[in-house]
Amino acid sequence: KARRRAKALDAPSLRRKKKSTTGEPESAFGPMGTNGEENMSVIVQPSIKGFDLSEFGNAEEQANWLLENVLARPGSGKEATLVSAGETVKNGITYFQFEYTIKTVNWHRRNVSVFAQNKKTGDVYTFVAQCPIERWDDMGEKFRTSANSFRIFPPKPPSF
């Protein structure tokens, strides 16, 4: 089964690296010449056979689990606050959307994320837009618009 994978623009490292098991962005966009704190990205992560995103509950339950167990685990030095959570169904696909902040002693960011699953392949697609909290008034509505327009398109069988 063929899959498109984004390739880095930089030359590959001469050192051998162990393959990462964490989801790295398929694509990411942000202002040129910045440190990456403000960006939008899409991650595609395979899941185990039979996994269903809805097993984690409704949007608010999923968001709280994600914040407490992944993004701001106890002892991580990060403090997360859920701003909003909701879910919509479009063309038979459930989209879970969360807006949240994450704060450390060095930075404070606001994020909007959307999760959806391709039921045919099991792949989980994640859209994330983030920026420093002081930029949210300028970027928040743009990020929400982008998040609201995020869609996955399950592959269709070829027609002959």
Protein backbone atom coordinates (compact mmCIF):
# COMPACT_ATOMS: atom_id res chain seq x y z
CA LYS A 1 0.00 0.00 0.00
CA ALA A 2 1.55 3.28 -1.08
CA ARG A 3 1.62 6.31 1.19
CA ARG A 4 2.79 9.83 0.59
CA ARG A 5 5.26 11.01 3.15
CA ALA A 6 6.57 14.55 3.35
CA LYS A 7 10.31 14.77 2.99
CA ALA A 8 12.57 17.19 4.82
CA LEU A 9 14.08 19.99 2.76
CA ASP A 10 17.39 19.58 4.58
CA ALA A 11 19.92 16.97 3.54
CA PRO A 12 19.61 13.75 5.58
CA SER A 13 21.85 13.21 8.56
CA LEU A 14 24.88 10.99 8.08
CA ARG A 15 24.21 9.44 11.47
CA ARG A 16 21.75 6.58 11.65
CA LYS A 17 18.64 7.46 13.56
CA LYS A 18 16.18 5.14 15.15
CA LYS A 19 12.75 5.43 13.54
CA SER A 20 10.47 7.64 15.63
CA THR A 21 7.22 6.15 16.90
CA THR A 22 5.74 9.55 17.69
CA GLY A 23 3.69 11.45 15.16
CA GLU A 24 5.79 13.95 13.28
CA PRO A 25 4.06 16.55 11.13
CA GLU A 26 3.21 15.62 7.54
CA SER A 27 3.30 19.34 6.87
CA ALA A 28 3.81 22.46 8.95
CA PHE A 29 3.52 26.13 8.12
CA GLY A 30 4.59 29.23 10.01
CA PRO A 31 6.00 32.69 9.44
CA MET A 32 9.46 32.64 7.87
CA GLY A 33 12.35 33.65 10.08
CA THR A 34 10.64 32.75 13.35
CA ASN A 35 11.37 30.13 15.99
CA GLY A 36 8.34 27.92 15.20
CA GLU A 37 6.22 28.99 18.16
CA GLU A 38 3.53 30.18 15.74
CA ASN A 39 2.52 27.49 13.27
CA MET A 40 -0.09 25.18 11.82
CA SER A 41 0.65 21.50 11.26
CA VAL A 42 -0.98 18.23 10.26
CA ILE A 43 0.09 14.89 11.74
CA VAL A 44 -1.01 11.49 10.42
CA GLN A 45 -0.62 8.67 12.92
CA PRO A 46 -1.46 5.02 12.22
CA SER A 47 -3.53 3.29 14.89
CA ILE A 48 -3.90 -0.31 15.93
CA LYS A 49 -6.53 -2.41 14.17
CA GLY A 50 -9.97 -1.86 15.64
CA PHE A 51 -9.08 1.40 17.44
CA ASP A 52 -11.78 4.06 17.39
CA LEU A 53 -11.24 7.65 18.57
CA SER A 54 -14.68 7.66 20.18
CA GLU A 55 -13.37 5.13 22.74
CA PHE A 56 -11.95 8.14 24.60
CA GLY A 57 -15.43 9.61 25.07
CA ASN A 58 -16.92 12.89 23.96
CA ALA A 59 -14.85 15.90 22.89
CA GLU A 60 -14.45 17.32 26.39
CA GLU A 61 -13.41 13.95 27.86
CA GLN A 62 -10.90 13.46 25.05
CA ALA A 63 -9.47 16.94 25.46
CA ASN A 64 -9.05 16.55 29.21
CA TRP A 65 -7.40 13.13 28.77
CA LEU A 66 -5.02 14.54 26.14
CA LEU A 67 -4.09 17.54 28.27
CA GLU A 68 -3.59 15.51 31.47
CA ASN A 69 -1.80 12.49 29.95
CA VAL A 70 0.10 13.77 26.93
CA LEU A 71 0.48 17.54 26.61
CA ALA A 72 0.84 18.55 30.27
CA ARG A 73 1.52 15.38 32.25
CA PRO A 74 2.10 15.74 35.99
CA GLY A 75 5.73 16.64 36.61
CA SER A 76 6.22 18.04 33.07
CA GLY A 77 6.36 21.64 34.24
CA LYS A 78 3.46 22.45 31.92
CA GLU A 79 0.07 23.78 32.96
CA ALA A 80 -2.83 23.23 30.56
CA THR A 81 -6.26 24.86 30.52
CA LEU A 82 -9.11 23.68 28.33
CA VAL A 83 -10.89 26.67 26.74
CA SER A 84 -13.48 24.77 24.69
CA ALA A 85 -14.23 21.37 23.19
CA GLY A 86 -16.77 20.22 20.63
CA GLU A 87 -17.44 17.68 17.96
CA THR A 88 -19.09 17.73 14.57
CA VAL A 89 -19.87 15.07 12.00
CA LYS A 90 -19.22 15.90 8.34
CA ASN A 91 -19.66 13.33 5.58
CA GLY A 92 -19.78 10.54 8.17
CA ILE A 93 -16.49 11.54 9.82
CA THR A 94 -16.46 12.81 13.41
CA TYR A 95 -14.17 15.80 14.03
CA PHE A 96 -13.17 16.52 17.64
CA GLN A 97 -12.05 20.14 18.11
CA PHE A 98 -10.32 21.50 21.21
CA GLU A 99 -9.02 24.92 22.13
CA TYR A 100 -6.58 25.12 25.02
CA THR A 101 -3.60 26.92 26.51
CA ILE A 102 -0.31 25.47 27.67
CA LYS A 103 1.97 27.44 29.96
CA THR A 104 5.49 26.86 31.26
CA VAL A 105 7.87 29.17 33.09
CA ASN A 106 9.36 30.11 29.68
CA TRP A 107 6.34 30.36 27.36
CA HIS A 108 2.54 30.50 27.19
CA ARG A 109 0.74 29.31 24.03
CA ARG A 110 -2.81 29.04 22.84
CA ASN A 111 -3.77 26.17 20.55
CA VAL A 112 -6.67 24.89 18.52
CA SER A 113 -6.59 21.21 17.51
CA VAL A 114 -8.82 18.95 15.44
CA PHE A 115 -8.71 15.14 15.49
CA ALA A 116 -10.42 12.86 12.97
CA GLN A 117 -10.03 9.22 12.02
CA ASN A 118 -10.13 7.53 8.64
CA LYS A 119 -12.29 4.51 9.47
CA LYS A 120 -10.99 2.55 6.45
CA THR A 121 -7.29 2.79 7.34
CA GLY A 122 -7.53 3.59 11.06
CA ASP A 123 -5.17 6.54 10.60
CA VAL A 124 -5.75 9.45 12.98
CA TYR A 125 -5.31 12.92 11.50
CA THR A 126 -4.45 15.83 13.77
CA PHE A 127 -4.52 19.50 12.81
CA VAL A 128 -2.85 21.85 15.31
CA ALA A 129 -2.51 25.64 15.17
CA GLN A 130 -0.60 27.43 17.91
CA CYS A 131 0.88 30.79 18.74
CA PRO A 132 2.18 32.66 21.77
CA ILE A 133 -0.70 33.86 23.94
CA GLU A 134 0.13 37.50 23.17
CA ARG A 135 -0.48 36.82 19.44
CA TRP A 136 -3.85 35.10 19.94
CA ASP A 137 -5.94 38.26 19.46
CA ASP A 138 -4.40 38.64 15.99
CA MET A 139 -4.31 34.96 15.02
CA GLY A 140 -7.10 33.22 16.94
CA GLU A 141 -9.91 33.77 14.44
CA LYS A 142 -7.66 32.76 11.52
CA PHE A 143 -6.65 29.59 13.36
CA ARG A 144 -10.28 28.77 14.20
CA THR A 145 -11.28 29.27 10.56
CA SER A 146 -8.48 26.94 9.47
CA ALA A 147 -9.48 24.36 12.08
CA ASN A 148 -13.14 24.54 11.04
CA SER A 149 -12.17 23.91 7.42
CA PHE A 150 -9.94 20.89 8.17
CA ARG A 151 -11.19 17.75 6.41
CA ILE A 152 -9.91 14.29 5.72
CA PHE A 153 -10.86 12.48 2.56
CA PRO A 154 -10.84 8.69 2.81
CA PRO A 155 -9.36 7.15 -0.33
CA LYS A 156 -11.93 5.95 -2.82
CA PRO A 157 -11.48 2.67 -4.66
CA PRO A 158 -10.31 3.13 -8.24
CA SER A 159 -13.01 3.04 -10.88
CA PHE A 160 -12.22 1.14 -14.04
